[in-house]
Each structure stands twice: as structure tokens, then as C-alpha cells.
N, C-alpha and C. Protein backbone atom coordinates (compact mmCIF):
# COMPACT_ATOMS: atom_id res chain seq x y z
N MET A 1 -9.11 57.09 50.87
CA MET A 1 -8.83 57.01 49.60
C MET A 1 -7.77 57.06 49.39
N SER A 2 -6.90 56.02 48.72
CA SER A 2 -5.53 56.03 48.20
C SER A 2 -5.43 56.74 47.14
N GLY A 3 -5.16 58.17 47.13
CA GLY A 3 -4.81 59.05 46.12
C GLY A 3 -6.05 59.68 46.05
N ARG A 4 -5.57 60.52 44.45
CA ARG A 4 -6.78 61.07 43.89
C ARG A 4 -7.49 60.11 42.79
N ILE A 5 -9.02 60.29 42.85
CA ILE A 5 -9.22 59.49 41.89
C ILE A 5 -10.64 60.47 41.17
N ASN A 6 -10.26 60.47 39.75
CA ASN A 6 -10.65 61.20 38.93
C ASN A 6 -12.28 60.27 38.28
N PHE A 7 -13.04 61.18 37.88
CA PHE A 7 -14.21 60.41 37.13
C PHE A 7 -14.58 60.95 36.04
N GLU A 8 -15.37 60.17 35.30
CA GLU A 8 -15.80 60.93 33.75
C GLU A 8 -17.38 60.41 33.69
N LEU A 9 -18.31 61.23 33.70
CA LEU A 9 -19.78 60.68 33.36
C LEU A 9 -20.10 60.23 31.90
N ASN A 10 -19.98 59.10 31.59
CA ASN A 10 -19.81 58.97 29.78
C ASN A 10 -20.86 58.65 29.36
N LYS A 11 -21.87 58.40 30.36
CA LYS A 11 -23.50 58.22 29.74
C LYS A 11 -24.22 58.72 30.89
N LEU A 12 -25.17 59.44 30.29
CA LEU A 12 -26.70 59.60 31.33
C LEU A 12 -27.80 59.61 30.31
N ARG A 13 -28.46 58.92 31.11
CA ARG A 13 -29.98 58.54 30.13
C ARG A 13 -31.06 58.27 31.04
N LEU A 14 -32.06 58.78 30.64
CA LEU A 14 -33.73 58.54 31.31
C LEU A 14 -34.18 57.29 30.91
N ILE A 15 -34.05 56.21 31.69
CA ILE A 15 -34.51 55.14 31.55
C ILE A 15 -36.15 54.92 32.15
N LYS A 16 -36.94 55.97 32.91
CA LYS A 16 -38.22 55.70 33.42
C LYS A 16 -38.77 57.16 33.70
N SER A 17 -39.83 57.29 33.17
CA SER A 17 -40.67 58.67 33.47
C SER A 17 -42.26 58.27 33.33
N LEU A 18 -42.57 58.23 34.51
CA LEU A 18 -44.35 58.05 34.71
C LEU A 18 -44.86 59.09 35.35
N PHE A 19 -45.80 59.83 34.82
CA PHE A 19 -46.71 60.85 35.54
C PHE A 19 -47.94 60.87 35.32
N THR A 20 -48.46 60.46 36.29
CA THR A 20 -50.24 60.43 36.49
C THR A 20 -50.81 61.41 37.15
N THR A 21 -51.75 62.05 36.96
CA THR A 21 -53.05 62.81 37.18
C THR A 21 -53.89 62.28 38.41
N ASN A 22 -54.30 62.74 39.30
CA ASN A 22 -55.15 62.35 40.32
C ASN A 22 -56.74 63.01 40.07
N PRO A 23 -57.64 62.75 39.30
CA PRO A 23 -58.49 63.20 39.15
C PRO A 23 -59.50 63.81 40.23
N GLY A 24 -59.56 63.08 41.39
CA GLY A 24 -60.44 63.27 42.50
C GLY A 24 -59.84 64.25 43.40
N TYR A 25 -58.44 64.77 43.34
CA TYR A 25 -57.86 65.80 44.04
C TYR A 25 -58.52 66.99 44.22
N HIS A 26 -58.82 67.39 45.09
CA HIS A 26 -59.62 68.78 45.32
C HIS A 26 -58.25 69.72 45.98
N PRO A 27 -57.92 70.60 44.65
CA PRO A 27 -56.83 72.04 45.54
C PRO A 27 -57.50 72.35 46.39
N PRO A 28 -56.10 72.93 47.14
CA PRO A 28 -56.15 73.89 48.40
C PRO A 28 -56.48 75.23 47.82
N ALA A 29 -56.50 76.47 48.82
CA ALA A 29 -56.78 77.54 48.46
C ALA A 29 -55.46 78.09 47.32
N PRO A 30 -55.48 79.16 46.80
CA PRO A 30 -54.39 79.39 45.76
C PRO A 30 -53.14 80.24 46.63
N GLY A 31 -52.49 79.70 46.77
CA GLY A 31 -50.77 80.33 47.07
C GLY A 31 -50.83 79.61 48.20
N GLU A 32 -51.34 78.44 48.81
CA GLU A 32 -51.22 77.52 49.91
C GLU A 32 -49.89 76.52 49.36
N LEU A 33 -49.36 76.43 50.78
CA LEU A 33 -48.27 75.47 50.77
C LEU A 33 -48.42 74.35 50.71
N ILE A 34 -47.79 73.42 49.79
CA ILE A 34 -48.29 72.08 50.10
C ILE A 34 -46.67 71.20 50.07
N ALA A 35 -47.12 69.98 51.18
CA ALA A 35 -45.83 69.69 51.31
C ALA A 35 -45.69 68.32 50.80
N MET A 36 -45.28 68.54 49.73
CA MET A 36 -45.25 66.79 49.03
C MET A 36 -44.14 65.75 49.41
N GLY A 37 -44.23 64.70 49.88
CA GLY A 37 -42.95 63.73 50.10
C GLY A 37 -42.61 63.03 49.09
N VAL A 38 -41.28 62.85 48.87
CA VAL A 38 -40.46 62.55 47.87
C VAL A 38 -39.58 61.59 48.41
N THR A 39 -39.38 60.44 47.69
CA THR A 39 -38.31 59.25 47.80
C THR A 39 -36.79 59.70 46.91
N LEU A 40 -36.00 59.68 47.12
CA LEU A 40 -34.86 59.32 46.22
C LEU A 40 -34.25 58.23 46.42
N ARG A 41 -33.68 57.27 46.08
CA ARG A 41 -33.07 56.30 45.86
C ARG A 41 -31.73 56.29 45.03
N ASN A 42 -30.94 55.88 45.33
CA ASN A 42 -29.49 56.07 44.54
C ASN A 42 -28.87 54.51 45.03
N GLY A 43 -28.39 54.15 43.51
CA GLY A 43 -27.79 52.48 44.07
C GLY A 43 -26.66 52.72 42.63
N GLY A 44 -25.85 51.72 42.86
CA GLY A 44 -25.14 51.15 41.75
C GLY A 44 -24.24 50.27 42.39
N GLU A 45 -23.16 49.90 41.31
CA GLU A 45 -22.25 49.05 41.38
C GLU A 45 -21.07 49.25 40.30
N PHE A 46 -19.87 48.70 40.83
CA PHE A 46 -18.41 48.76 40.22
C PHE A 46 -17.82 47.43 39.82
N SER A 47 -17.51 47.84 38.46
CA SER A 47 -16.89 46.77 37.59
C SER A 47 -15.96 46.01 38.83
N VAL A 48 -15.57 44.53 38.36
CA VAL A 48 -14.47 44.08 38.83
C VAL A 48 -13.67 44.35 39.03
N ASP A 49 -12.91 45.14 38.19
CA ASP A 49 -11.41 45.99 38.33
C ASP A 49 -11.55 47.18 38.87
N GLY A 50 -12.95 47.63 39.43
CA GLY A 50 -13.13 48.90 39.97
C GLY A 50 -12.63 50.21 39.06
N GLY A 51 -12.65 49.79 38.00
CA GLY A 51 -12.49 51.55 36.88
C GLY A 51 -13.53 51.71 36.24
N GLN A 52 -14.83 51.21 36.61
CA GLN A 52 -16.16 52.03 36.19
C GLN A 52 -17.39 51.94 36.97
N ALA A 53 -18.41 52.40 36.62
CA ALA A 53 -19.25 52.14 37.91
C ALA A 53 -20.35 52.63 36.88
N HIS A 54 -21.30 51.45 37.39
CA HIS A 54 -22.90 51.92 36.97
C HIS A 54 -23.58 52.35 38.19
N PHE A 55 -24.54 53.45 37.78
CA PHE A 55 -25.07 54.27 38.84
C PHE A 55 -26.60 54.74 38.50
N VAL A 56 -27.78 54.31 39.47
CA VAL A 56 -29.46 54.10 38.71
C VAL A 56 -29.75 55.27 40.12
N GLN A 57 -30.38 56.16 39.59
CA GLN A 57 -30.95 57.49 40.84
C GLN A 57 -32.33 57.23 40.51
N SER A 58 -33.51 57.11 41.45
CA SER A 58 -34.71 56.94 41.29
C SER A 58 -35.34 58.10 42.36
N PHE A 59 -36.37 58.62 41.57
CA PHE A 59 -37.19 59.66 42.26
C PHE A 59 -38.75 59.50 42.26
N LYS A 60 -39.34 59.63 43.68
CA LYS A 60 -40.90 59.14 43.54
C LYS A 60 -41.37 59.99 44.16
N THR A 61 -42.65 60.56 43.62
CA THR A 61 -43.72 61.14 44.49
C THR A 61 -44.37 60.32 45.61
N GLN A 62 -44.61 60.80 46.74
CA GLN A 62 -45.31 59.84 47.77
C GLN A 62 -46.81 59.94 48.12
N ALA A 63 -47.64 59.17 48.14
CA ALA A 63 -49.39 59.62 48.83
C ALA A 63 -49.71 60.34 47.82
N ALA A 64 -50.13 59.33 46.40
CA ALA A 64 -50.56 60.15 44.98
C ALA A 64 -51.57 59.99 45.39
N TYR A 65 -52.44 59.52 45.89
CA TYR A 65 -53.95 59.93 46.17
C TYR A 65 -54.22 60.95 46.90
N GLU A 66 -53.52 61.87 47.61
CA GLU A 66 -53.50 62.89 48.14
C GLU A 66 -53.11 64.17 47.13
N MET A 67 -52.34 63.96 46.37
CA MET A 67 -51.40 65.07 45.77
C MET A 67 -52.31 64.70 44.21
N PRO A 68 -52.13 66.38 43.70
CA PRO A 68 -53.05 66.64 42.16
C PRO A 68 -52.17 65.39 40.96
N PHE A 69 -50.55 64.91 41.65
CA PHE A 69 -50.07 63.85 40.71
C PHE A 69 -49.21 62.91 41.15
N SER A 70 -48.82 62.24 40.30
CA SER A 70 -47.70 61.57 40.90
C SER A 70 -46.64 61.41 40.10
N LEU A 71 -45.41 61.23 40.52
CA LEU A 71 -44.07 60.93 39.11
C LEU A 71 -43.18 59.91 39.86
N GLU A 72 -42.92 59.39 38.65
CA GLU A 72 -41.76 58.43 39.06
C GLU A 72 -40.71 58.50 37.98
N VAL A 73 -39.52 58.82 38.48
CA VAL A 73 -38.30 58.98 37.15
C VAL A 73 -36.80 58.39 37.62
N GLU A 74 -36.28 57.79 36.66
CA GLU A 74 -35.27 57.06 36.94
C GLU A 74 -34.28 57.18 36.07
N PHE A 75 -32.73 57.59 36.54
CA PHE A 75 -31.82 57.83 35.48
C PHE A 75 -30.62 57.08 35.80
N GLU A 76 -30.11 56.53 34.66
CA GLU A 76 -29.05 55.83 34.51
C GLU A 76 -27.86 56.34 34.40
N ALA A 77 -26.71 55.93 34.46
CA ALA A 77 -25.09 56.30 34.43
C ALA A 77 -24.17 55.54 34.46
N LEU A 78 -23.01 55.85 33.85
CA LEU A 78 -22.15 55.16 33.60
C LEU A 78 -21.07 56.12 33.97
N PHE A 79 -19.99 55.59 34.60
CA PHE A 79 -18.91 56.47 35.22
C PHE A 79 -17.72 55.47 34.71
N ALA A 80 -16.47 56.26 34.06
CA ALA A 80 -15.31 55.61 34.11
C ALA A 80 -14.28 56.57 35.49
N LEU A 81 -13.44 55.79 35.91
CA LEU A 81 -12.45 56.08 36.91
C LEU A 81 -11.16 56.01 36.45
N SER A 82 -10.28 57.05 36.84
CA SER A 82 -8.98 57.18 36.75
C SER A 82 -8.05 56.09 37.12
N ALA A 83 -8.90 55.41 38.04
CA ALA A 83 -8.06 54.35 38.74
C ALA A 83 -9.11 53.34 39.70
N PRO A 84 -8.63 52.25 39.99
CA PRO A 84 -9.38 51.40 40.10
C PRO A 84 -10.07 51.87 41.67
N VAL A 85 -11.23 51.51 41.98
CA VAL A 85 -12.10 51.90 43.24
C VAL A 85 -11.92 51.03 44.37
N THR A 86 -11.44 50.75 45.34
CA THR A 86 -11.66 49.51 46.00
C THR A 86 -12.64 49.46 47.07
N GLN A 87 -13.21 48.10 47.45
CA GLN A 87 -14.32 48.07 48.24
C GLN A 87 -14.56 48.97 49.21
N THR A 88 -13.63 49.25 50.24
CA THR A 88 -13.95 50.42 51.17
C THR A 88 -13.93 51.61 50.76
N GLU A 89 -13.64 52.17 49.07
CA GLU A 89 -13.32 53.46 48.92
C GLU A 89 -15.18 53.99 48.01
N GLN A 90 -15.42 52.97 47.85
CA GLN A 90 -16.68 52.81 46.91
C GLN A 90 -18.05 53.47 47.60
N GLU A 91 -18.18 53.26 49.25
CA GLU A 91 -19.24 54.19 49.76
C GLU A 91 -19.50 55.62 49.50
N PRO A 92 -18.36 56.42 49.63
CA PRO A 92 -18.50 57.77 49.45
C PRO A 92 -18.92 58.25 47.96
N PHE A 93 -18.36 57.34 46.93
CA PHE A 93 -19.24 57.41 45.54
C PHE A 93 -20.42 57.23 45.62
N LEU A 94 -20.77 56.24 45.63
CA LEU A 94 -22.46 55.96 45.83
C LEU A 94 -23.17 56.57 46.62
N VAL A 95 -22.61 57.07 47.77
CA VAL A 95 -24.09 57.85 48.75
C VAL A 95 -23.75 59.48 48.34
N GLN A 96 -22.47 59.84 47.92
CA GLN A 96 -22.19 61.44 47.93
C GLN A 96 -21.98 61.77 46.43
N VAL A 97 -20.79 61.38 45.84
CA VAL A 97 -20.13 62.24 44.72
C VAL A 97 -21.23 61.52 43.63
N PHE A 98 -21.65 60.58 43.02
CA PHE A 98 -22.47 60.05 41.91
C PHE A 98 -23.85 60.86 42.07
N PRO A 99 -24.31 60.75 43.75
CA PRO A 99 -25.79 61.35 43.59
C PRO A 99 -25.80 62.56 43.36
N GLN A 100 -24.77 63.37 43.54
CA GLN A 100 -24.77 64.71 43.30
C GLN A 100 -24.09 64.99 41.89
N VAL A 101 -23.46 64.68 40.99
CA VAL A 101 -23.46 64.90 39.89
C VAL A 101 -24.95 64.51 38.90
N ILE A 102 -25.65 63.38 39.82
CA ILE A 102 -26.95 63.27 38.83
C ILE A 102 -27.90 63.85 38.97
N PHE A 103 -27.80 64.76 40.49
CA PHE A 103 -28.89 65.55 40.85
C PHE A 103 -29.51 66.87 40.11
N PRO A 104 -28.67 67.34 39.79
CA PRO A 104 -28.75 68.53 38.63
C PRO A 104 -29.92 68.04 37.56
N PHE A 105 -29.87 67.06 37.03
CA PHE A 105 -30.37 66.56 36.02
C PHE A 105 -31.79 65.91 36.34
N MET A 106 -31.82 65.36 37.58
CA MET A 106 -33.03 65.16 37.77
C MET A 106 -33.83 66.18 38.84
N ARG A 107 -33.43 67.26 38.94
CA ARG A 107 -34.17 68.09 39.76
C ARG A 107 -34.69 68.96 38.74
N GLU A 108 -34.17 69.28 37.37
CA GLU A 108 -34.16 70.03 36.29
C GLU A 108 -35.54 69.13 35.59
N TYR A 109 -35.07 67.96 35.26
CA TYR A 109 -36.02 67.26 34.79
C TYR A 109 -37.80 67.01 35.49
N VAL A 110 -37.38 66.78 36.91
CA VAL A 110 -39.08 67.01 37.67
C VAL A 110 -39.67 68.23 37.47
N ALA A 111 -38.80 69.36 37.69
CA ALA A 111 -39.29 70.62 37.41
C ALA A 111 -39.98 70.84 36.40
N GLU A 112 -39.19 70.52 35.21
CA GLU A 112 -39.62 70.71 33.91
C GLU A 112 -40.83 69.89 33.61
N THR A 113 -41.15 68.65 33.90
CA THR A 113 -42.11 67.97 33.80
C THR A 113 -43.48 68.38 34.58
N THR A 114 -43.46 68.76 35.58
CA THR A 114 -44.35 69.07 36.38
C THR A 114 -45.10 70.34 35.84
N ARG A 115 -44.08 71.22 35.30
CA ARG A 115 -44.39 72.48 34.58
C ARG A 115 -45.07 72.57 33.46
N ARG A 116 -44.16 71.41 32.59
CA ARG A 116 -45.28 71.11 31.10
C ARG A 116 -46.54 70.19 31.20
N ALA A 117 -46.74 69.86 32.60
CA ALA A 117 -48.16 69.20 33.01
C ALA A 117 -48.85 69.93 33.34
N GLY A 118 -48.75 71.47 33.45
CA GLY A 118 -50.03 72.33 33.41
C GLY A 118 -49.89 72.70 35.30
N PHE A 119 -48.67 72.43 35.83
CA PHE A 119 -48.73 72.69 37.09
C PHE A 119 -47.29 73.38 37.41
N PRO A 120 -47.84 74.17 39.05
CA PRO A 120 -46.13 74.82 39.19
C PRO A 120 -45.00 74.06 39.13
N PRO A 121 -43.74 74.31 38.90
CA PRO A 121 -42.64 73.30 38.96
C PRO A 121 -42.40 72.64 40.32
N LEU A 122 -42.06 71.39 40.61
CA LEU A 122 -42.16 70.55 41.79
C LEU A 122 -40.38 70.80 41.87
N LEU A 123 -39.58 71.56 42.99
CA LEU A 123 -38.37 71.76 43.01
C LEU A 123 -37.94 70.55 44.27
N ILE A 124 -37.05 69.64 43.88
CA ILE A 124 -36.37 68.75 44.72
C ILE A 124 -35.62 69.76 45.92
N ASN A 125 -35.46 69.46 46.98
CA ASN A 125 -34.80 69.92 47.78
C ASN A 125 -33.38 69.83 47.64
N GLN A 126 -31.98 70.25 48.08
CA GLN A 126 -31.18 69.47 48.03
C GLN A 126 -30.63 68.80 48.78
N SER A 127 -31.52 68.76 50.39
CA SER A 127 -31.28 67.89 51.78
C SER A 127 -31.11 66.31 51.49
N PHE A 128 -31.28 65.87 50.49
CA PHE A 128 -30.92 64.52 50.30
C PHE A 128 -29.69 63.92 50.67
N TYR A 129 -29.12 64.54 50.42
CA TYR A 129 -27.50 64.32 50.63
C TYR A 129 -26.95 64.69 52.19
N PRO A 130 -26.72 63.28 52.58
CA PRO A 130 -25.81 63.29 54.19
C PRO A 130 -24.47 64.16 53.72
N ASP A 131 -23.85 64.72 55.47
CA ASP A 131 -22.78 65.53 55.14
C ASP A 131 -21.78 64.41 55.31
N SER A 132 -21.81 63.20 55.56
CA SER A 132 -20.52 62.35 55.20
C SER A 132 -21.43 60.87 54.96
N PRO A 133 -20.49 59.83 54.90
CA PRO A 133 -21.02 58.70 54.15
C PRO A 133 -21.49 58.18 55.72
N GLY A 134 -22.71 56.94 55.09
CA GLY A 134 -22.96 56.64 56.54
C GLY A 134 -24.33 57.21 57.17
N GLU A 135 -24.31 58.43 57.25
CA GLU A 135 -25.46 59.75 57.82
C GLU A 135 -25.96 59.77 57.18
N GLY A 136 -27.72 59.82 57.86
CA GLY A 136 -29.00 59.92 57.11
C GLY A 136 -29.21 58.97 56.15
N GLY A 137 -30.94 58.87 55.80
CA GLY A 137 -31.06 57.58 54.86
C GLY A 137 -31.07 56.25 55.24
N ASP A 138 -31.44 55.40 54.54
CA ASP A 138 -31.43 54.08 55.20
C ASP A 138 -30.24 53.26 53.79
N ALA A 139 -29.15 53.06 54.88
CA ALA A 139 -27.86 52.55 54.47
C ALA A 139 -28.08 51.08 53.60
N ASN A 140 -28.89 50.44 53.84
CA ASN A 140 -29.31 49.33 52.84
C ASN A 140 -29.66 49.13 51.69
N THR A 141 -30.79 50.58 51.50
CA THR A 141 -31.31 50.63 50.20
C THR A 141 -30.72 51.62 49.74
N GLY A 142 -29.98 52.89 50.24
CA GLY A 142 -29.81 53.89 49.55
C GLY A 142 -30.72 54.82 49.39
N GLU A 143 -32.14 54.86 50.03
CA GLU A 143 -33.09 55.38 50.29
C GLU A 143 -33.33 56.69 51.32
N LYS A 144 -33.80 57.87 50.52
CA LYS A 144 -33.77 58.78 51.72
C LYS A 144 -35.16 59.33 51.30
N VAL A 145 -36.32 59.82 52.44
CA VAL A 145 -37.32 60.19 52.21
C VAL A 145 -37.44 61.76 52.95
N VAL A 146 -37.66 62.60 51.84
CA VAL A 146 -37.50 64.13 52.54
C VAL A 146 -39.31 65.06 51.79
N THR A 147 -39.53 65.78 52.23
CA THR A 147 -40.78 66.74 51.93
C THR A 147 -39.57 67.76 51.05
N SER A 148 -40.40 67.87 50.01
CA SER A 148 -40.22 68.98 49.14
C SER A 148 -41.34 69.79 48.95
N LYS A 149 -41.22 71.16 49.21
CA LYS A 149 -42.02 72.50 49.16
C LYS A 149 -42.83 72.49 48.03
N TRP A 150 -44.02 72.38 47.49
CA TRP A 150 -44.78 72.81 46.21
C TRP A 150 -45.58 73.59 46.43
N ILE A 151 -45.64 74.58 45.92
CA ILE A 151 -46.72 75.64 45.66
C ILE A 151 -48.04 75.30 44.89
N HIS A 152 -49.18 75.48 44.95
CA HIS A 152 -50.17 75.15 43.75
C HIS A 152 -51.14 76.34 43.65
């Protein structure tokens, strides 16, 4: 990166929240650990001048027919940058920086939503994020699938 680029989160809003229960689900024995597959997708774009970025983070549980519930959540964020970001500098922001800023909000929302629905909270693993750009997940879609542990 050419110099230090500071950024500010100007807007964060929940744009999608869909929670459904599965009435045919048969719970396991009390305290049994359930592995729930979840998908986190990150995507965004920078303004033409590179001074702003629009970012969306989406969360979705998988295999809803095998789980007691399914959940889809999407947050939208608008970031202001202190200096224009060139095309080559954009990937670290979209893959690491912006997702890690939004992640605590997503994690809290998912846990609180499942708790309010009468289930133990689903805690999303932090392992969604690669150590360096280009590592892990699908580079074309910004999507990464991991398993989060959930105790029923």
C-alpha cells in the first residue's frame, strides 16, 4: 500500500434478517455438540475515486432440514477512506479489514437472535478470515464455509 490509509465506518445497517424453525427436527441428547455449517460472504466495491467503499457481509446457516432452525443475516456498511485506494490496494480491505470490522456486529446479532428464539446462542468462529489476502475461501465470491460449534 502506498502510505497509511485510515478509514471510518460511516454507516452500518441490518438489511436482511430471516429466521425460520424446522418443526420436523428431532433434538439430540442434552449437551450433545452439534456441528452447524455456516457460510459468510463478503463483498464490496469502492467509489470511482477510491475515497469510499460500500461493503456487504452476509451470513447463512446450511442444511436447514437437518438443523432446528435456519438463519440468514446481511449487514451493509459504508466506509470513508482518508486517501484514495488504488485497484491493487482494494483486496486487503475487502478480504480482511472490512470483514473484521463488521464481524463483531454480525457475531453478536447471530448469537442474540438464536438466544431470543429460545435456542442456545450460535457463536460464529473467528476462523472465517485468512491470514493473508488470497488465502482461504473462494476468491471469486468472497465466500467461505466453516463449521461453528453449537450446543443444544
